[in-house]
Amino acid sequence: MTIWTNQLSFQYDATPLLRNVSLKIEKGECVAFFGPNGCGKTTLLKIFMGLLNPRKGVVVVEGERMAYVPQISQLDRQFPITVLEAVKMGGIEKEVLRSYRRGCEERAREMLMRVGLGEMTEHLFGSLSGGQMQRALIARALMSSPDVLFLDEATAHVDAEAEKVFHKLIKELKGSMTVVMVTHDLPGVASYIDRFFCVHESVTPYLPTEMCNHFAQGLYHPPLRGGV
């Protein structure tokens, strides 16, 4: 799946957030968006997914299947659903509300095994730790065999071991689908990201060799060509 924008702008009410964003993400790339809090990273993901419309400009997403893993802080832990049931929701047919694809439960169990949660199918989803919950959400996202996987701060609020599992899984997925993530964990993802995009009104692309240690401290500046 290829994603591209041309002169895209967005604002909430009268407050401009994104200005003249032009970029292209190639099929199979693994890219990361970073920048200050409130700069529009999650908004940009929602525009890519068609959940928000730009104020002006063009956005084109060439592909059929998209999957989204939200921040776990947005989820209701009190909702009474098992881990298996939560993952099976990723296999619901869009055309027939509440109708599961054939073989959905078998695939859900397979995806849970893939993320290391095969023995937790009957646990309540809300009882999982942050890292386990994030892995269950990725399993749910993979149910549809997506062309592109969107991840919004997937390593936030998880422990170090959960981070390791997450990075290993994304490395395994790389190349089989386009992966677009929002992250503040620049050192953690640096070994497998193809390109970085700094969001601060406009969007500036960086190759991994152009990334600066200042960025991990929240200090952003234009690319310094030749590595830093």
Protein backbone atom coordinates (compact mmCIF):
# COMPACT_ATOMS: atom_id res chain seq x y z
CA MET A 1 0.00 0.00 0.00
CA THR A 2 1.35 3.42 -1.03
CA ILE A 3 0.35 6.60 0.83
CA TRP A 4 0.96 10.09 -0.48
CA THR A 5 -0.16 13.62 0.28
CA ASN A 6 0.19 16.91 -1.59
CA GLN A 7 -0.02 20.30 0.12
CA LEU A 8 -2.25 18.85 2.85
CA SER A 9 -3.39 21.20 5.63
CA PHE A 10 -5.61 20.60 8.66
CA GLN A 11 -6.94 22.64 11.55
CA TYR A 12 -9.28 22.23 14.51
CA ASP A 13 -11.69 25.18 14.57
CA ALA A 14 -9.50 28.23 13.91
CA THR A 15 -6.22 26.67 15.09
CA PRO A 16 -3.91 25.48 12.27
CA LEU A 17 -2.25 22.16 13.06
CA LEU A 18 -0.74 20.81 9.81
CA ARG A 19 0.44 23.03 6.96
CA ASN A 20 1.33 22.08 3.37
CA VAL A 21 2.27 18.47 4.10
CA SER A 22 3.61 16.66 1.04
CA LEU A 23 5.05 13.16 1.49
CA LYS A 24 5.06 9.67 0.04
CA ILE A 25 5.29 6.34 1.87
CA GLU A 26 6.19 3.45 -0.41
CA LYS A 27 4.61 0.02 -0.31
CA GLY A 28 6.35 -2.19 2.28
CA GLU A 29 8.13 0.67 4.05
CA CYS A 30 8.33 0.88 7.82
CA VAL A 31 8.18 4.55 8.84
CA ALA A 32 7.87 6.49 12.09
CA PHE A 33 6.34 9.91 12.80
CA PHE A 34 7.70 11.84 15.78
CA GLY A 35 7.48 15.35 17.20
CA PRO A 36 6.24 17.37 20.17
CA ASN A 37 3.01 16.47 21.96
CA GLY A 38 -0.02 17.93 20.22
CA CYS A 39 1.79 18.55 16.94
CA GLY A 40 -0.63 16.47 14.83
CA LYS A 41 0.96 13.01 14.64
CA THR A 42 -2.19 11.09 15.57
CA THR A 43 -4.27 13.49 13.50
CA LEU A 44 -2.16 12.63 10.46
CA LEU A 45 -2.76 8.90 11.04
CA LYS A 46 -6.51 9.55 11.23
CA ILE A 47 -6.37 11.48 7.96
CA PHE A 48 -4.56 8.56 6.32
CA MET A 49 -7.29 6.22 7.58
CA GLY A 50 -10.10 8.47 6.35
CA LEU A 51 -11.37 9.28 9.86
CA LEU A 52 -10.64 12.99 9.37
CA ASN A 53 -10.73 15.12 6.23
CA PRO A 54 -7.98 17.65 5.46
CA ARG A 55 -8.94 21.31 5.24
CA LYS A 56 -7.18 21.46 1.88
CA GLY A 57 -4.79 19.41 -0.20
CA VAL A 58 -4.82 15.80 -1.34
CA VAL A 59 -4.32 12.48 0.45
CA VAL A 60 -4.30 9.19 -1.46
CA VAL A 61 -4.06 5.73 0.10
CA GLU A 62 -3.55 3.04 -2.53
CA GLY A 63 -4.68 -0.28 -1.05
CA GLU A 64 -7.68 -2.07 0.40
CA ARG A 65 -7.05 -3.27 3.94
CA MET A 66 -5.96 -1.05 6.82
CA ALA A 67 -5.56 -1.93 10.49
CA TYR A 68 -5.11 0.40 13.43
CA VAL A 69 -3.61 -0.18 16.88
CA PRO A 70 -4.60 2.74 19.17
CA GLN A 71 -2.93 3.94 22.34
CA ILE A 72 -3.90 1.58 25.17
CA SER A 73 -4.71 4.59 27.37
CA GLN A 74 -7.78 5.14 25.16
CA LEU A 75 -9.29 1.72 25.96
CA ASP A 76 -11.97 0.79 28.49
CA ARG A 77 -10.53 -1.91 30.76
CA GLN A 78 -13.94 -2.51 32.34
CA PHE A 79 -15.57 -3.85 29.18
CA PRO A 80 -16.35 -7.55 29.88
CA ILE A 81 -14.71 -9.39 26.98
CA THR A 82 -12.15 -12.18 26.80
CA VAL A 83 -8.83 -11.87 24.99
CA LEU A 84 -10.02 -14.31 22.30
CA GLU A 85 -13.25 -12.37 21.77
CA ALA A 86 -11.35 -9.08 21.50
CA VAL A 87 -9.03 -10.50 18.84
CA LYS A 88 -11.90 -12.12 16.92
CA MET A 89 -13.39 -8.64 16.47
CA GLY A 90 -10.65 -8.05 13.92
CA GLY A 91 -12.28 -10.73 11.76
CA ILE A 92 -15.75 -9.19 11.50
CA GLU A 93 -16.95 -8.76 7.93
CA LYS A 94 -17.52 -5.09 7.13
CA GLU A 95 -20.37 -5.92 4.79
CA VAL A 96 -22.34 -7.93 7.36
CA LEU A 97 -22.36 -6.31 10.81
CA ARG A 98 -21.40 -8.74 13.60
CA SER A 99 -20.73 -11.57 11.12
CA TYR A 100 -17.35 -13.28 11.49
CA ARG A 101 -15.29 -14.55 8.58
CA ARG A 102 -15.07 -18.32 8.18
CA GLY A 103 -12.30 -19.76 10.31
CA CYS A 104 -12.18 -16.60 12.42
CA GLU A 105 -11.66 -18.30 15.78
CA GLU A 106 -8.89 -20.54 14.45
CA ARG A 107 -7.10 -17.53 12.98
CA ALA A 108 -7.57 -15.54 16.21
CA ARG A 109 -5.89 -18.33 18.16
CA GLU A 110 -3.10 -18.42 15.57
CA MET A 111 -2.53 -14.66 15.86
CA LEU A 112 -2.47 -14.86 19.66
CA MET A 113 0.17 -17.58 19.44
CA ARG A 114 2.16 -15.34 17.11
CA VAL A 115 2.26 -12.52 19.66
CA GLY A 116 2.97 -14.84 22.59
CA LEU A 117 -0.50 -14.85 24.18
CA GLY A 118 -1.67 -18.30 23.11
CA GLU A 119 -2.36 -19.41 26.69
CA MET A 120 -4.42 -16.34 27.62
CA THR A 121 -7.43 -16.74 25.32
CA GLU A 122 -9.98 -16.96 28.16
CA HIS A 123 -8.48 -14.20 30.31
CA LEU A 124 -10.45 -10.97 30.53
CA PHE A 125 -9.01 -8.41 28.15
CA GLY A 126 -9.09 -5.72 30.85
CA SER A 127 -6.97 -7.87 33.18
CA LEU A 128 -3.96 -7.84 30.85
CA SER A 129 -0.86 -5.80 31.57
CA GLY A 130 -0.11 -2.87 29.27
CA GLY A 131 2.35 -4.90 27.20
CA GLN A 132 0.02 -7.89 26.91
CA MET A 133 -2.86 -5.65 25.91
CA GLN A 134 -0.76 -4.03 23.20
CA ARG A 135 0.16 -7.45 21.80
CA ALA A 136 -3.50 -8.51 21.82
CA LEU A 137 -4.40 -5.36 19.86
CA ILE A 138 -1.71 -6.17 17.29
CA ALA A 139 -3.11 -9.70 17.01
CA ARG A 140 -6.54 -8.20 16.39
CA ALA A 141 -5.11 -5.88 13.74
CA LEU A 142 -3.41 -8.78 11.94
CA MET A 143 -6.68 -10.71 11.64
CA SER A 144 -7.52 -8.95 8.36
CA SER A 145 -4.05 -9.48 6.80
CA PRO A 146 -3.73 -5.71 6.34
CA ASP A 147 -1.87 -3.96 3.54
CA VAL A 148 -0.90 -1.25 6.04
CA LEU A 149 -0.63 -1.32 9.82
CA PHE A 150 -1.01 1.96 11.74
CA LEU A 151 0.41 2.04 15.28
CA ASP A 152 -0.15 4.96 17.65
CA GLU A 153 2.52 5.09 20.39
CA ALA A 154 2.49 1.31 20.75
CA THR A 155 5.31 1.21 23.33
CA ALA A 156 3.82 3.85 25.64
CA HIS A 157 2.84 2.58 29.12
CA VAL A 158 4.52 -0.83 28.68
CA ASP A 159 7.51 -2.37 30.46
CA ALA A 160 10.94 -3.09 28.97
CA GLU A 161 10.19 -6.76 28.25
CA ALA A 162 7.00 -5.83 26.41
CA GLU A 163 8.98 -3.32 24.34
CA LYS A 164 11.40 -6.07 23.28
CA VAL A 165 8.53 -8.31 22.18
CA PHE A 166 6.95 -5.45 20.25
CA HIS A 167 10.15 -4.54 18.38
CA LYS A 168 10.77 -8.21 17.50
CA LEU A 169 7.25 -8.55 16.12
CA ILE A 170 7.46 -5.42 13.97
CA LYS A 171 10.80 -6.59 12.56
CA GLU A 172 9.10 -9.86 11.55
CA LEU A 173 6.21 -7.99 9.90
CA LYS A 174 8.47 -5.56 8.04
CA GLY A 175 8.29 -6.00 4.29
CA SER A 176 5.07 -8.05 4.38
CA MET A 177 3.01 -4.89 4.82
CA THR A 178 3.46 -1.14 5.10
CA VAL A 179 3.96 -0.11 8.74
CA VAL A 180 3.26 3.47 9.83
CA MET A 181 3.81 4.32 13.48
CA VAL A 182 3.71 7.30 15.80
CA THR A 183 6.39 7.06 18.47
CA HIS A 184 8.48 8.96 21.02
CA ASP A 185 10.79 5.96 21.41
CA LEU A 186 13.27 6.90 18.69
CA PRO A 187 16.22 4.81 19.97
CA GLY A 188 13.97 1.76 20.34
CA VAL A 189 12.76 1.74 16.72
CA ALA A 190 15.91 3.08 15.05
CA SER A 191 17.27 -0.37 14.05
CA TYR A 192 14.40 -1.21 11.71
CA ILE A 193 12.76 2.05 10.58
CA ASP A 194 13.32 2.92 6.90
CA ARG A 195 12.48 6.62 7.27
CA PHE A 196 11.49 9.05 10.00
CA PHE A 197 9.13 12.02 9.64
CA CYS A 198 9.27 14.93 12.09
CA VAL A 199 5.85 16.57 12.52
CA HIS A 200 5.82 20.21 13.58
CA GLU A 201 3.19 22.03 11.47
CA SER A 202 4.97 20.82 8.35
CA VAL A 203 6.51 17.33 8.00
CA THR A 204 10.27 16.86 7.50
CA PRO A 205 11.67 13.49 6.33
CA TYR A 206 14.87 12.00 7.77
CA LEU A 207 16.91 8.98 6.84
CA PRO A 208 18.07 6.91 9.83
CA THR A 209 21.63 8.21 9.28
CA GLU A 210 20.36 11.80 9.66
CA MET A 211 18.74 11.26 13.05
CA CYS A 212 20.17 13.24 15.93
CA ASN A 213 20.34 12.39 19.63
CA HIS A 214 18.72 15.77 20.31
CA PHE A 215 15.43 14.43 18.91
CA ALA A 216 15.07 11.84 21.68
CA GLN A 217 15.29 14.79 24.12
CA GLY A 218 12.51 16.70 22.35
CA LEU A 219 14.89 19.13 20.61
CA TYR A 220 14.07 19.25 16.90
CA HIS A 221 15.96 20.92 14.08
CA PRO A 222 16.27 20.63 10.27
CA PRO A 223 18.19 17.66 8.83
CA LEU A 224 21.96 17.84 9.14
CA ARG A 225 23.04 15.99 6.03
CA GLY A 226 25.78 13.42 6.33
CA GLY A 227 24.77 12.09 9.77
CA VAL A 228 25.10 13.55 13.27
